């Protein structure tokens, strides 16, 4: 039965070469795009998986608006944000400020999170 299906498909591919090439190329591009998106999403979702208390880690991001429209978004902020948040929210155990100087990433205050 399958042999007959493959014969028919092969004959159809040989008879309509351009149409078959377009369909096969489109299918290959679609599968490749799907795999790349899947790999990107799985990487983004596994960002903090090595941490023991990963459900207790939060990242503060800063948004800048110009004339009511979001113009810039980044994961950086003022130096005093950690101190202010820790003073205002008693549930915060500790914080760390990560800065990047050139190609070296360092932390300003070492975290002493309680396990």
PDB file of N, CA and C in Angstrom:
ATOM      1  N   UNK A   1       0.812  -1.186   0.000  1.00  0.00           N
ATOM      2  CA  UNK A   1       0.000   0.000   0.000  1.00  0.00           C
ATOM      3  C   UNK A   1       0.865   1.265   0.000  1.00  0.00           C
ATOM      4  N   UNK A   2       1.853   1.311   0.940  1.00  0.00           N
ATOM      5  CA  UNK A   2       2.726   2.481   0.997  1.00  0.00           C
ATOM      6  C   UNK A   2       3.559   2.600  -0.269  1.00  0.00           C
ATOM      7  N   UNK A   3       3.926   1.494  -0.821  1.00  0.00           N
ATOM      8  CA  UNK A   3       4.723   1.516  -2.057  1.00  0.00           C
ATOM      9  C   UNK A   3       3.948   2.235  -3.163  1.00  0.00           C
ATOM     10  N   UNK A   4       2.659   1.982  -3.242  1.00  0.00           N
ATOM     11  CA  UNK A   4       1.821   2.632  -4.237  1.00  0.00           C
ATOM     12  C   UNK A   4       1.745   4.140  -3.977  1.00  0.00           C
ATOM     13  N   UNK A   5       1.635   4.537  -2.705  1.00  0.00           N
ATOM     14  CA  UNK A   5       1.598   5.962  -2.375  1.00  0.00           C
ATOM     15  C   UNK A   5       2.899   6.653  -2.768  1.00  0.00           C
ATOM     16  N   UNK A   6       4.027   6.010  -2.472  1.00  0.00           N
ATOM     17  CA  UNK A   6       5.315   6.601  -2.838  1.00  0.00           C
ATOM     18  C   UNK A   6       5.484   6.699  -4.347  1.00  0.00           C
ATOM     19  N   UNK A   7       5.022   5.695  -5.073  1.00  0.00           N
ATOM     20  CA  UNK A   7       5.083   5.739  -6.546  1.00  0.00           C
ATOM     21  C   UNK A   7       4.274   6.911  -7.088  1.00  0.00           C
ATOM     22  N   UNK A   8       3.065   7.056  -6.568  1.00  0.00           N
ATOM     23  CA  UNK A   8       2.194   8.141  -7.025  1.00  0.00           C
ATOM     24  C   UNK A   8       2.800   9.506  -6.677  1.00  0.00           C
ATOM     25  N   UNK A   9       3.327   9.629  -5.475  1.00  0.00           N
ATOM     26  CA  UNK A   9       3.947  10.895  -5.066  1.00  0.00           C
ATOM     27  C   UNK A   9       5.159  11.204  -5.933  1.00  0.00           C
ATOM     28  N   UNK A  10       5.989  10.217  -6.185  1.00  0.00           N
ATOM     29  CA  UNK A  10       7.188  10.436  -7.011  1.00  0.00           C
ATOM     30  C   UNK A  10       6.810  10.855  -8.426  1.00  0.00           C
ATOM     31  N   UNK A  11       5.806  10.218  -8.998  1.00  0.00           N
ATOM     32  CA  UNK A  11       5.351  10.595 -10.351  1.00  0.00           C
ATOM     33  C   UNK A  11       4.821  12.024 -10.371  1.00  0.00           C
ATOM     34  N   UNK A  12       4.092  12.382  -9.319  1.00  0.00           N
ATOM     35  CA  UNK A  12       3.547  13.733  -9.236  1.00  0.00           C
ATOM     36  C   UNK A  12       4.672  14.765  -9.089  1.00  0.00           C
ATOM     37  N   UNK A  13       5.695  14.436  -8.301  1.00  0.00           N
ATOM     38  CA  UNK A  13       6.844  15.336  -8.141  1.00  0.00           C
ATOM     39  C   UNK A  13       7.578  15.505  -9.467  1.00  0.00           C
ATOM     40  N   UNK A  14       7.765  14.422 -10.186  1.00  0.00           N
ATOM     41  CA  UNK A  14       8.458  14.501 -11.490  1.00  0.00           C
ATOM     42  C   UNK A  14       7.651  15.284 -12.515  1.00  0.00           C
ATOM     43  N   UNK A  15       6.330  15.152 -12.472  1.00  0.00           N
ATOM     44  CA  UNK A  15       5.488  15.815 -13.458  1.00  0.00           C
ATOM     45  C   UNK A  15       5.386  17.322 -13.196  1.00  0.00           C
ATOM     46  N   UNK A  16       5.330  17.724 -11.928  1.00  0.00           N
ATOM     47  CA  UNK A  16       5.178  19.140 -11.564  1.00  0.00           C
ATOM     48  C   UNK A  16       6.408  19.570 -10.767  1.00  0.00           C
ATOM     49  N   UNK A  17       7.513  19.740 -11.465  1.00  0.00           N
ATOM     50  CA  UNK A  17       8.789  20.000 -10.789  1.00  0.00           C
ATOM     51  C   UNK A  17       8.812  21.343 -10.053  1.00  0.00           C
ATOM     52  N   UNK A  18       8.403  22.399 -10.708  1.00  0.00           N
ATOM     53  CA  UNK A  18       8.464  23.732 -10.099  1.00  0.00           C
ATOM     54  C   UNK A  18       7.526  23.811  -8.886  1.00  0.00           C
ATOM     55  N   UNK A  19       6.308  23.353  -9.039  1.00  0.00           N
ATOM     56  CA  UNK A  19       5.333  23.372  -7.959  1.00  0.00           C
ATOM     57  C   UNK A  19       5.820  22.531  -6.773  1.00  0.00           C
ATOM     58  N   UNK A  20       6.381  21.376  -7.059  1.00  0.00           N
ATOM     59  CA  UNK A  20       6.894  20.499  -5.999  1.00  0.00           C
ATOM     60  C   UNK A  20       8.090  21.131  -5.294  1.00  0.00           C
ATOM     61  N   UNK A  21       8.979  21.774  -6.063  1.00  0.00           N
ATOM     62  CA  UNK A  21      10.151  22.413  -5.468  1.00  0.00           C
ATOM     63  C   UNK A  21       9.721  23.541  -4.530  1.00  0.00           C
ATOM     64  N   UNK A  22       8.733  24.330  -4.939  1.00  0.00           N
ATOM     65  CA  UNK A  22       8.240  25.419  -4.100  1.00  0.00           C
ATOM     66  C   UNK A  22       7.641  24.856  -2.810  1.00  0.00           C
ATOM     67  N   UNK A  23       6.847  23.802  -2.916  1.00  0.00           N
ATOM     68  CA  UNK A  23       6.228  23.202  -1.731  1.00  0.00           C
ATOM     69  C   UNK A  23       7.265  22.597  -0.794  1.00  0.00           C
ATOM     70  N   UNK A  24       8.234  21.889  -1.325  1.00  0.00           N
ATOM     71  CA  UNK A  24       9.267  21.260  -0.489  1.00  0.00           C
ATOM     72  C   UNK A  24      10.140  22.324   0.165  1.00  0.00           C
ATOM     73  N   UNK A  25      10.511  23.356  -0.589  1.00  0.00           N
ATOM     74  CA  UNK A  25      11.310  24.449  -0.032  1.00  0.00           C
ATOM     75  C   UNK A  25      10.535  25.184   1.076  1.00  0.00           C
ATOM     76  N   UNK A  26       9.271  25.433   0.861  1.00  0.00           N
ATOM     77  CA  UNK A  26       8.447  26.087   1.880  1.00  0.00           C
ATOM     78  C   UNK A  26       8.326  25.242   3.138  1.00  0.00           C
ATOM     79  N   UNK A  27       8.165  23.935   2.960  1.00  0.00           N
ATOM     80  CA  UNK A  27       8.087  23.040   4.107  1.00  0.00           C
ATOM     81  C   UNK A  27       9.402  23.024   4.880  1.00  0.00           C
ATOM     82  N   UNK A  28      10.528  22.998   4.172  1.00  0.00           N
ATOM     83  CA  UNK A  28      11.838  22.995   4.825  1.00  0.00           C
ATOM     84  C   UNK A  28      12.073  24.292   5.586  1.00  0.00           C
ATOM     85  N   UNK A  29      11.721  25.423   5.002  1.00  0.00           N
ATOM     86  CA  UNK A  29      11.890  26.716   5.674  1.00  0.00           C
ATOM     87  C   UNK A  29      10.975  26.796   6.897  1.00  0.00           C
ATOM     88  N   UNK A  30       9.750  26.309   6.791  1.00  0.00           N
ATOM     89  CA  UNK A  30       8.819  26.310   7.913  1.00  0.00           C
ATOM     90  C   UNK A  30       9.312  25.454   9.074  1.00  0.00           C
ATOM     91  N   UNK A  31       9.825  24.269   8.776  1.00  0.00           N
ATOM     92  CA  UNK A  31      10.345  23.392   9.829  1.00  0.00           C
ATOM     93  C   UNK A  31      11.575  24.014  10.474  1.00  0.00           C
ATOM     94  N   UNK A  32      12.477  24.593   9.674  1.00  0.00           N
ATOM     95  CA  UNK A  32      13.677  25.235  10.228  1.00  0.00           C
ATOM     96  C   UNK A  32      13.306  26.421  11.120  1.00  0.00           C
ATOM     97  N   UNK A  33      12.363  27.235  10.687  1.00  0.00           N
ATOM     98  CA  UNK A  33      11.928  28.388  11.499  1.00  0.00           C
ATOM     99  C   UNK A  33      11.297  27.912  12.803  1.00  0.00           C
ATOM    100  N   UNK A  34      10.488  26.871  12.737  1.00  0.00           N
ATOM    101  CA  UNK A  34       9.851  26.324  13.936  1.00  0.00           C
ATOM    102  C   UNK A  34      10.895  25.812  14.919  1.00  0.00           C
ATOM    103  N   UNK A  35      11.914  25.118  14.436  1.00  0.00           N
ATOM    104  CA  UNK A  35      12.963  24.607  15.308  1.00  0.00           C
ATOM    105  C   UNK A  35      13.779  25.734  15.946  1.00  0.00           C
ATOM    106  N   UNK A  36      14.072  26.776  15.172  1.00  0.00           N
ATOM    107  CA  UNK A  36      14.811  27.918  15.720  1.00  0.00           C
ATOM    108  C   UNK A  36      14.001  28.650  16.793  1.00  0.00           C
ATOM    109  N   UNK A  37      12.724  28.849  16.552  1.00  0.00           N
ATOM    110  CA  UNK A  37      11.869  29.504  17.540  1.00  0.00           C
ATOM    111  C   UNK A  37      11.756  28.640  18.785  1.00  0.00           C
ATOM    112  N   UNK A  38      11.609  27.342  18.624  1.00  0.00           N
ATOM    113  CA  UNK A  38      11.536  26.429  19.768  1.00  0.00           C
ATOM    114  C   UNK A  38      12.818  26.474  20.596  1.00  0.00           C
ATOM    115  N   UNK A  39      13.964  26.509  19.923  1.00  0.00           N
ATOM    116  CA  UNK A  39      15.238  26.581  20.640  1.00  0.00           C
ATOM    117  C   UNK A  39      15.371  27.906  21.393  1.00  0.00           C
ATOM    118  N   UNK A  40      14.980  29.003  20.783  1.00  0.00           N
ATOM    119  CA  UNK A  40      15.056  30.309  21.432  1.00  0.00           C
ATOM    120  C   UNK A  40      14.140  30.370  22.660  1.00  0.00           C
ATOM    121  N   UNK A  41      12.910  29.896  22.521  1.00  0.00           N
ATOM    122  CA  UNK A  41      11.959  29.931  23.632  1.00  0.00           C
ATOM    123  C   UNK A  41      12.432  29.047  24.775  1.00  0.00           C
ATOM    124  N   UNK A  42      12.944  27.862  24.471  1.00  0.00           N
ATOM    125  CA  UNK A  42      13.417  26.983  25.540  1.00  0.00           C
ATOM    126  C   UNK A  42      14.626  27.587  26.251  1.00  0.00           C
ATOM    127  N   UNK A  43      15.491  28.288  25.531  1.00  0.00           N
ATOM    128  CA  UNK A  43      16.621  28.966  26.166  1.00  0.00           C
ATOM    129  C   UNK A  43      16.149  30.085  27.077  1.00  0.00           C
ATOM    130  N   UNK A  44      15.212  30.885  26.618  1.00  0.00           N
ATOM    131  CA  UNK A  44      14.709  31.993  27.420  1.00  0.00           C
ATOM    132  C   UNK A  44      13.981  31.501  28.672  1.00  0.00           C
ATOM    133  N   UNK A  45      13.279  30.387  28.583  1.00  0.00           N
ATOM    134  CA  UNK A  45      12.557  29.870  29.737  1.00  0.00           C
ATOM    135  C   UNK A  45      13.462  29.156  30.734  1.00  0.00           C
ATOM    136  N   UNK A  46      14.664  28.794  30.318  1.00  0.00           N
ATOM    137  CA  UNK A  46      15.576  28.081  31.216  1.00  0.00           C
ATOM    138  C   UNK A  46      16.662  29.003  31.764  1.00  0.00           C
ATOM    139  N   UNK A  47      16.424  30.288  31.766  1.00  0.00           N
ATOM    140  CA  UNK A  47      17.453  31.263  32.105  1.00  0.00           C
ATOM    141  C   UNK A  47      17.970  31.110  33.525  1.00  0.00           C
ATOM    142  N   UNK A  48      17.116  30.927  34.520  1.00  0.00           N
ATOM    143  CA  UNK A  48      17.519  30.849  35.924  1.00  0.00           C
ATOM    144  C   UNK A  48      17.338  29.442  36.498  1.00  0.00           C
ATOM    145  N   UNK A  49      17.311  28.409  35.690  1.00  0.00           N
ATOM    146  CA  UNK A  49      17.040  27.057  36.185  1.00  0.00           C
ATOM    147  C   UNK A  49      18.120  26.512  37.110  1.00  0.00           C
ATOM    148  N   UNK A  50      19.332  27.007  37.052  1.00  0.00           N
ATOM    149  CA  UNK A  50      20.397  26.483  37.896  1.00  0.00           C
ATOM    150  C   UNK A  50      20.304  27.011  39.330  1.00  0.00           C
ATOM    151  N   UNK A  51      19.515  28.030  39.569  1.00  0.00           N
ATOM    152  CA  UNK A  51      19.385  28.609  40.902  1.00  0.00           C
ATOM    153  C   UNK A  51      18.501  27.725  41.779  1.00  0.00           C
ATOM    154  N   UNK A  52      18.855  27.615  43.051  1.00  0.00           N
ATOM    155  CA  UNK A  52      18.076  26.802  43.983  1.00  0.00           C
ATOM    156  C   UNK A  52      16.719  27.442  44.251  1.00  0.00           C
ATOM    157  N   UNK A  53      16.709  28.724  44.509  1.00  0.00           N
ATOM    158  CA  UNK A  53      15.468  29.447  44.803  1.00  0.00           C
ATOM    159  C   UNK A  53      15.047  30.301  43.619  1.00  0.00           C
ATOM    160  N   UNK A  54      14.934  29.677  42.457  1.00  0.00           N
ATOM    161  CA  UNK A  54      14.652  30.454  41.247  1.00  0.00           C
ATOM    162  C   UNK A  54      13.271  31.104  41.263  1.00  0.00           C
ATOM    163  N   UNK A  55      12.331  30.572  42.033  1.00  0.00           N
ATOM    164  CA  UNK A  55      11.011  31.172  42.100  1.00  0.00           C
ATOM    165  C   UNK A  55      10.986  32.434  42.960  1.00  0.00           C
ATOM    166  N   UNK A  56      12.083  32.730  43.645  1.00  0.00           N
ATOM    167  CA  UNK A  56      12.170  33.909  44.508  1.00  0.00           C
ATOM    168  C   UNK A  56      13.068  34.999  43.908  1.00  0.00           C
ATOM    169  N   UNK A  57      13.491  34.840  42.671  1.00  0.00           N
ATOM    170  CA  UNK A  57      14.378  35.812  42.030  1.00  0.00           C
ATOM    171  C   UNK A  57      13.557  36.714  41.110  1.00  0.00           C
ATOM    172  N   UNK A  58      13.766  38.004  41.231  1.00  0.00           N
ATOM    173  CA  UNK A  58      13.074  38.977  40.395  1.00  0.00           C
ATOM    174  C   UNK A  58      14.099  39.928  39.790  1.00  0.00           C
ATOM    175  N   UNK A  59      13.758  40.465  38.661  1.00  0.00           N
ATOM    176  CA  UNK A  59      14.641  41.397  37.961  1.00  0.00           C
ATOM    177  C   UNK A  59      13.891  42.701  37.750  1.00  0.00           C
ATOM    178  N   UNK A  60      14.514  43.786  38.140  1.00  0.00           N
ATOM    179  CA  UNK A  60      13.897  45.106  37.994  1.00  0.00           C
ATOM    180  C   UNK A  60      14.347  45.686  36.664  1.00  0.00           C
ATOM    181  N   UNK A  61      13.384  46.093  35.862  1.00  0.00           N
ATOM    182  CA  UNK A  61      13.686  46.698  34.567  1.00  0.00           C
ATOM    183  C   UNK A  61      13.223  48.146  34.573  1.00  0.00           C
ATOM    184  N   UNK A  62      13.850  48.931  33.736  1.00  0.00           N
ATOM    185  CA  UNK A  62      13.529  50.346  33.661  1.00  0.00           C
ATOM    186  C   UNK A  62      12.977  50.652  32.277  1.00  0.00           C
ATOM    187  N   UNK A  63      11.863  51.360  32.240  1.00  0.00           N
ATOM    188  CA  UNK A  63      11.246  51.789  30.984  1.00  0.00           C
ATOM    189  C   UNK A  63      11.325  53.302  30.903  1.00  0.00           C
ATOM    190  N   UNK A  64      11.636  53.803  29.726  1.00  0.00           N
ATOM    191  CA  UNK A  64      11.677  55.252  29.512  1.00  0.00           C
ATOM    192  C   UNK A  64      10.618  55.608  28.468  1.00  0.00           C
ATOM    193  N   UNK A  65       9.804  56.588  28.820  1.00  0.00           N
ATOM    194  CA  UNK A  65       8.735  57.040  27.939  1.00  0.00           C
ATOM    195  C   UNK A  65       9.044  58.452  27.445  1.00  0.00           C
ATOM    196  N   UNK A  66       8.847  58.682  26.176  1.00  0.00           N
ATOM    197  CA  UNK A  66       8.964  60.008  25.575  1.00  0.00           C
ATOM    198  C   UNK A  66       7.630  60.349  24.927  1.00  0.00           C
ATOM    199  N   UNK A  67       7.026  61.431  25.375  1.00  0.00           N
ATOM    200  CA  UNK A  67       5.725  61.891  24.875  1.00  0.00           C
ATOM    201  C   UNK A  67       4.657  60.806  24.991  1.00  0.00           C
ATOM    202  N   UNK A  68       4.691  60.041  26.076  1.00  0.00           N
ATOM    203  CA  UNK A  68       3.681  59.017  26.308  1.00  0.00           C
ATOM    204  C   UNK A  68       3.903  57.712  25.586  1.00  0.00           C
ATOM    205  N   UNK A  69       4.987  57.593  24.813  1.00  0.00           N
ATOM    206  CA  UNK A  69       5.280  56.355  24.078  1.00  0.00           C
ATOM    207  C   UNK A  69       6.544  55.732  24.640  1.00  0.00           C
ATOM    208  N   UNK A  70       6.535  54.409  24.758  1.00  0.00           N
ATOM    209  CA  UNK A  70       7.696  53.683  25.256  1.00  0.00           C
ATOM    210  C   UNK A  70       8.840  53.810  24.254  1.00  0.00           C
ATOM    211  N   UNK A  71       9.956  54.392  24.701  1.00  0.00           N
ATOM    212  CA  UNK A  71      11.069  54.603  23.785  1.00  0.00           C
ATOM    213  C   UNK A  71      12.240  53.664  24.071  1.00  0.00           C
ATOM    214  N   UNK A  72      12.497  53.369  25.339  1.00  0.00           N
ATOM    215  CA  UNK A  72      13.641  52.531  25.696  1.00  0.00           C
ATOM    216  C   UNK A  72      13.253  51.611  26.840  1.00  0.00           C
ATOM    217  N   UNK A  73      13.779  50.391  26.793  1.00  0.00           N
ATOM    218  CA  UNK A  73      13.525  49.418  27.837  1.00  0.00           C
ATOM    219  C   UNK A  73      14.831  48.693  28.105  1.00  0.00           C
ATOM    220  N   UNK A  74      15.279  48.660  29.354  1.00  0.00           N
ATOM    221  CA  UNK A  74      16.510  47.957  29.653  1.00  0.00           C
ATOM    222  C   UNK A  74      16.497  47.463  31.095  1.00  0.00           C
ATOM    223  N   UNK A  75      17.379  46.519  31.383  1.00  0.00           N
ATOM    224  CA  UNK A  75      17.464  45.923  32.715  1.00  0.00           C
ATOM    225  C   UNK A  75      18.543  46.632  33.522  1.00  0.00           C
ATOM    226  N   UNK A  76      18.442  47.904  33.622  1.00  0.00           N
ATOM    227  CA  UNK A  76      19.385  48.700  34.404  1.00  0.00           C
ATOM    228  C   UNK A  76      18.580  49.777  35.104  1.00  0.00           C
ATOM    229  N   UNK A  77      19.153  50.322  36.109  1.00  0.00           N
ATOM    230  CA  UNK A  77      18.432  51.364  36.813  1.00  0.00           C
ATOM    231  C   UNK A  77      19.366  52.149  37.694  1.00  0.00           C
ATOM    232  N   UNK A  78      18.776  52.947  38.539  1.00  0.00           N
ATOM    233  CA  UNK A  78      19.564  53.759  39.450  1.00  0.00           C
ATOM    234  C   UNK A  78      20.198  52.878  40.514  1.00  0.00           C
ATOM    235  N   UNK A  79      21.293  53.353  41.068  1.00  0.00           N
ATOM    236  CA  UNK A  79      22.029  52.588  42.063  1.00  0.00           C
ATOM    237  C   UNK A  79      21.235  52.381  43.350  1.00  0.00           C
ATOM    238  N   UNK A  80      20.396  53.330  43.722  1.00  0.00           N
ATOM    239  CA  UNK A  80      19.700  53.279  45.001  1.00  0.00           C
ATOM    240  C   UNK A  80      18.417  52.461  44.975  1.00  0.00           C
ATOM    241  N   UNK A  81      18.070  51.869  43.857  1.00  0.00           N
ATOM    242  CA  UNK A  81      16.819  51.114  43.766  1.00  0.00           C
ATOM    243  C   UNK A  81      16.809  49.942  44.736  1.00  0.00           C
ATOM    244  N   UNK A  82      17.896  49.212  44.828  1.00  0.00           N
ATOM    245  CA  UNK A  82      17.974  48.070  45.736  1.00  0.00           C
ATOM    246  C   UNK A  82      17.774  48.468  47.179  1.00  0.00           C
ATOM    247  N   UNK A  83      18.461  49.534  47.606  1.00  0.00           N
ATOM    248  CA  UNK A  83      18.299  50.029  48.983  1.00  0.00           C
ATOM    249  C   UNK A  83      16.869  50.466  49.251  1.00  0.00           C
ATOM    250  N   UNK A  84      16.275  51.184  48.312  1.00  0.00           N
ATOM    251  CA  UNK A  84      14.917  51.691  48.496  1.00  0.00           C
ATOM    252  C   UNK A  84      13.907  50.554  48.564  1.00  0.00           C
ATOM    253  N   UNK A  85      14.047  49.572  47.668  1.00  0.00           N
ATOM    254  CA  UNK A  85      13.121  48.447  47.675  1.00  0.00           C
ATOM    255  C   UNK A  85      13.246  47.639  48.961  1.00  0.00           C
ATOM    256  N   UNK A  86      14.479  47.404  49.402  1.00  0.00           N
ATOM    257  CA  UNK A  86      14.681  46.610  50.621  1.00  0.00           C
ATOM    258  C   UNK A  86      14.124  47.334  51.842  1.00  0.00           C
ATOM    259  N   UNK A  87      14.238  48.647  51.881  1.00  0.00           N
ATOM    260  CA  UNK A  87      13.698  49.413  53.003  1.00  0.00           C
ATOM    261  C   UNK A  87      12.171  49.456  52.971  1.00  0.00           C
ATOM    262  N   UNK A  88      11.590  49.488  51.774  1.00  0.00           N
ATOM    263  CA  UNK A  88      10.139  49.628  51.647  1.00  0.00           C
ATOM    264  C   UNK A  88       9.403  48.291  51.702  1.00  0.00           C
ATOM    265  N   UNK A  89      10.035  47.211  51.276  1.00  0.00           N
ATOM    266  CA  UNK A  89       9.369  45.903  51.199  1.00  0.00           C
ATOM    267  C   UNK A  89      10.086  44.941  52.136  1.00  0.00           C
ATOM    268  N   UNK A  90       9.479  44.579  53.252  1.00  0.00           N
ATOM    269  CA  UNK A  90      10.168  43.722  54.237  1.00  0.00           C
ATOM    270  C   UNK A  90      10.388  42.289  53.758  1.00  0.00           C
ATOM    271  N   UNK A  91       9.681  41.830  52.734  1.00  0.00           N
ATOM    272  CA  UNK A  91       9.833  40.459  52.248  1.00  0.00           C
ATOM    273  C   UNK A  91      11.135  40.252  51.473  1.00  0.00           C
ATOM    274  N   UNK A  92      11.806  41.308  51.085  1.00  0.00           N
ATOM    275  CA  UNK A  92      13.048  41.190  50.328  1.00  0.00           C
ATOM    276  C   UNK A  92      14.164  40.769  51.272  1.00  0.00           C
ATOM    277  N   UNK A  93      14.783  39.605  50.982  1.00  0.00           N
ATOM    278  CA  UNK A  93      15.902  39.106  51.793  1.00  0.00           C
ATOM    279  C   UNK A  93      17.165  39.896  51.495  1.00  0.00           C
ATOM    280  N   UNK A  94      17.505  39.988  50.229  1.00  0.00           N
ATOM    281  CA  UNK A  94      18.708  40.702  49.835  1.00  0.00           C
ATOM    282  C   UNK A  94      18.623  41.037  48.351  1.00  0.00           C
ATOM    283  N   UNK A  95      19.566  41.787  47.850  1.00  0.00           N
ATOM    284  CA  UNK A  95      19.572  42.187  46.458  1.00  0.00           C
ATOM    285  C   UNK A  95      21.014  42.243  45.971  1.00  0.00           C
ATOM    286  N   UNK A  96      21.165  42.298  44.681  1.00  0.00           N
ATOM    287  CA  UNK A  96      22.476  42.453  44.074  1.00  0.00           C
ATOM    288  C   UNK A  96      22.319  43.330  42.836  1.00  0.00           C
ATOM    289  N   UNK A  97      23.254  44.209  42.625  1.00  0.00           N
ATOM    290  CA  UNK A  97      23.264  45.079  41.444  1.00  0.00           C
ATOM    291  C   UNK A  97      24.357  44.577  40.523  1.00  0.00           C
ATOM    292  N   UNK A  98      23.999  44.231  39.321  1.00  0.00           N
ATOM    293  CA  UNK A  98      24.955  43.714  38.352  1.00  0.00           C
ATOM    294  C   UNK A  98      25.223  44.813  37.333  1.00  0.00           C
ATOM    295  N   UNK A  99      26.505  45.109  37.133  1.00  0.00           N
ATOM    296  CA  UNK A  99      26.882  46.127  36.158  1.00  0.00           C
ATOM    297  C   UNK A  99      27.842  45.516  35.154  1.00  0.00           C
ATOM    298  N   UNK A 100      27.908  46.128  33.992  1.00  0.00           N
ATOM    299  CA  UNK A 100      28.804  45.644  32.948  1.00  0.00           C
ATOM    300  C   UNK A 100      29.773  46.762  32.585  1.00  0.00           C
ATOM    301  N   UNK A 101      31.047  46.507  32.797  1.00  0.00           N
ATOM    302  CA  UNK A 101      32.108  47.446  32.432  1.00  0.00           C
ATOM    303  C   UNK A 101      32.849  46.863  31.246  1.00  0.00           C
ATOM    304  N   UNK A 102      32.522  47.319  30.069  1.00  0.00           N
ATOM    305  CA  UNK A 102      33.143  46.747  28.878  1.00  0.00           C
ATOM    306  C   UNK A 102      32.622  45.342  28.649  1.00  0.00           C
ATOM    307  N   UNK A 103      33.503  44.363  28.694  1.00  0.00           N
ATOM    308  CA  UNK A 103      33.096  42.981  28.483  1.00  0.00           C
ATOM    309  C   UNK A 103      33.066  42.178  29.772  1.00  0.00           C
ATOM    310  N   UNK A 104      33.315  42.823  30.909  1.00  0.00           N
ATOM    311  CA  UNK A 104      33.337  42.138  32.202  1.00  0.00           C
ATOM    312  C   UNK A 104      32.075  42.491  32.973  1.00  0.00           C
ATOM    313  N   UNK A 105      31.355  41.479  33.451  1.00  0.00           N
ATOM    314  CA  UNK A 105      30.163  41.697  34.252  1.00  0.00           C
ATOM    315  C   UNK A 105      30.505  41.426  35.706  1.00  0.00           C
ATOM    316  N   UNK A 106      30.209  42.391  36.572  1.00  0.00           N
ATOM    317  CA  UNK A 106      30.537  42.249  37.991  1.00  0.00           C
ATOM    318  C   UNK A 106      29.307  42.555  38.827  1.00  0.00           C
ATOM    319  N   UNK A 107      29.345  42.112  40.067  1.00  0.00           N
ATOM    320  CA  UNK A 107      28.260  42.460  40.968  1.00  0.00           C
ATOM    321  C   UNK A 107      28.780  43.454  41.997  1.00  0.00           C
ATOM    322  N   UNK A 108      27.940  44.415  42.337  1.00  0.00           N
ATOM    323  CA  UNK A 108      28.342  45.489  43.233  1.00  0.00           C
ATOM    324  C   UNK A 108      28.211  45.043  44.678  1.00  0.00           C
ATOM    325  N   UNK A 109      27.166  44.350  45.005  1.00  0.00           N
ATOM    326  CA  UNK A 109      26.942  43.875  46.366  1.00  0.00           C
ATOM    327  C   UNK A 109      26.668  42.384  46.289  1.00  0.00           C
ATOM    328  N   UNK A 110      27.450  41.579  46.983  1.00  0.00           N
ATOM    329  CA  UNK A 110      27.238  40.144  46.938  1.00  0.00           C
ATOM    330  C   UNK A 110      25.993  39.796  47.716  1.00  0.00           C
ATOM    331  N   UNK A 111      25.170  38.954  47.132  1.00  0.00           N
ATOM    332  CA  UNK A 111      23.917  38.581  47.748  1.00  0.00           C
ATOM    333  C   UNK A 111      24.152  37.515  48.818  1.00  0.00           C
ATOM    334  N   UNK A 112      23.398  37.609  49.896  1.00  0.00           N
ATOM    335  CA  UNK A 112      23.471  36.599  50.964  1.00  0.00           C
ATOM    336  C   UNK A 112      22.074  36.064  51.202  1.00  0.00           C
ATOM    337  N   UNK A 113      21.449  35.536  50.161  1.00  0.00           N
ATOM    338  CA  UNK A 113      20.093  35.032  50.267  1.00  0.00           C
ATOM    339  C   UNK A 113      20.029  33.860  51.230  1.00  0.00           C
ATOM    340  N   UNK A 114      18.958  33.810  51.994  1.00  0.00           N
ATOM    341  CA  UNK A 114      18.764  32.718  52.933  1.00  0.00           C
ATOM    342  C   UNK A 114      18.116  31.551  52.218  1.00  0.00           C
ATOM    343  N   UNK A 115      18.633  30.364  52.394  1.00  0.00           N
ATOM    344  CA  UNK A 115      18.058  29.180  51.728  1.00  0.00           C
ATOM    345  C   UNK A 115      16.978  28.555  52.556  1.00  0.00           C
TER     346      UNK A 115
END
